[in-house]
């Protein structure tokens, strides 16, 4: 998938989740951050929706 298609799919998915859950959604991948403070904050506030 090229970068343009990836970006379109990413933002389309984020919009669909926000419409579904009626709240803001942040999509984060394991590889998208190396900042340990951000990772710690995400781990404290993340919510498993399906597992």
C-alpha atoms as a PDB file:
ATOM      1  CA  UNK A   1       0.000   0.000   0.000  1.00  0.00           C
ATOM      2  CA  UNK A   2       1.484   3.365  -0.914  1.00  0.00           C
ATOM      3  CA  UNK A   3       1.661   6.213   1.597  1.00  0.00           C
ATOM      4  CA  UNK A   4      -1.317   8.100   0.178  1.00  0.00           C
ATOM      5  CA  UNK A   5      -3.594   5.060   0.315  1.00  0.00           C
ATOM      6  CA  UNK A   6      -2.327   4.190   3.805  1.00  0.00           C
ATOM      7  CA  UNK A   7      -3.084   7.698   5.078  1.00  0.00           C
ATOM      8  CA  UNK A   8      -6.552   7.655   3.509  1.00  0.00           C
ATOM      9  CA  UNK A   9      -7.318   4.261   5.077  1.00  0.00           C
ATOM     10  CA  UNK A  10      -5.961   5.362   8.472  1.00  0.00           C
ATOM     11  CA  UNK A  11      -8.061   8.518   8.676  1.00  0.00           C
ATOM     12  CA  UNK A  12     -11.125   6.774   7.247  1.00  0.00           C
ATOM     13  CA  UNK A  13     -10.840   4.112   9.967  1.00  0.00           C
ATOM     14  CA  UNK A  14     -10.406   6.761  12.679  1.00  0.00           C
ATOM     15  CA  UNK A  15     -13.503   8.613  11.421  1.00  0.00           C
ATOM     16  CA  UNK A  16     -15.547   5.413  11.352  1.00  0.00           C
ATOM     17  CA  UNK A  17     -14.533   4.516  14.910  1.00  0.00           C
ATOM     18  CA  UNK A  18     -15.403   8.021  16.124  1.00  0.00           C
ATOM     19  CA  UNK A  19     -18.832   7.772  14.503  1.00  0.00           C
ATOM     20  CA  UNK A  20     -19.379   4.287  15.917  1.00  0.00           C
ATOM     21  CA  UNK A  21     -18.329   5.111  19.489  1.00  0.00           C
ATOM     22  CA  UNK A  22     -19.521   8.745  19.464  1.00  0.00           C
ATOM     23  CA  UNK A  23     -16.270   9.931  21.017  1.00  0.00           C
ATOM     24  CA  UNK A  24     -12.766  10.962  19.917  1.00  0.00           C
ATOM     25  CA  UNK A  25     -10.483   8.051  19.002  1.00  0.00           C
ATOM     26  CA  UNK A  26      -6.686   7.935  18.734  1.00  0.00           C
ATOM     27  CA  UNK A  27      -5.277   5.150  16.593  1.00  0.00           C
ATOM     28  CA  UNK A  28      -1.768   4.252  17.733  1.00  0.00           C
ATOM     29  CA  UNK A  29       0.411   1.388  16.567  1.00  0.00           C
ATOM     30  CA  UNK A  30       3.138  -0.301  18.591  1.00  0.00           C
ATOM     31  CA  UNK A  31       5.786   1.084  16.249  1.00  0.00           C
ATOM     32  CA  UNK A  32       4.487   4.655  15.995  1.00  0.00           C
ATOM     33  CA  UNK A  33       6.076   5.988  19.190  1.00  0.00           C
ATOM     34  CA  UNK A  34       9.400   5.574  20.915  1.00  0.00           C
ATOM     35  CA  UNK A  35       8.755   8.211  23.593  1.00  0.00           C
ATOM     36  CA  UNK A  36       8.622   6.316  26.923  1.00  0.00           C
ATOM     37  CA  UNK A  37       6.498   9.009  28.607  1.00  0.00           C
ATOM     38  CA  UNK A  38       3.887   8.865  25.842  1.00  0.00           C
ATOM     39  CA  UNK A  39       3.899   5.062  25.894  1.00  0.00           C
ATOM     40  CA  UNK A  40       3.421   5.076  29.686  1.00  0.00           C
ATOM     41  CA  UNK A  41       0.525   7.533  29.408  1.00  0.00           C
ATOM     42  CA  UNK A  42      -1.111   5.475  26.667  1.00  0.00           C
ATOM     43  CA  UNK A  43      -0.760   2.271  28.675  1.00  0.00           C
ATOM     44  CA  UNK A  44      -2.422   3.909  31.690  1.00  0.00           C
ATOM     45  CA  UNK A  45      -5.425   5.197  29.731  1.00  0.00           C
ATOM     46  CA  UNK A  46      -5.955   2.698  26.923  1.00  0.00           C
ATOM     47  CA  UNK A  47      -9.140   0.654  26.810  1.00  0.00           C
ATOM     48  CA  UNK A  48      -9.406  -2.796  25.257  1.00  0.00           C
ATOM     49  CA  UNK A  49     -12.506  -2.887  23.089  1.00  0.00           C
ATOM     50  CA  UNK A  50     -12.157  -6.375  21.693  1.00  0.00           C
ATOM     51  CA  UNK A  51      -9.842  -9.134  22.728  1.00  0.00           C
END
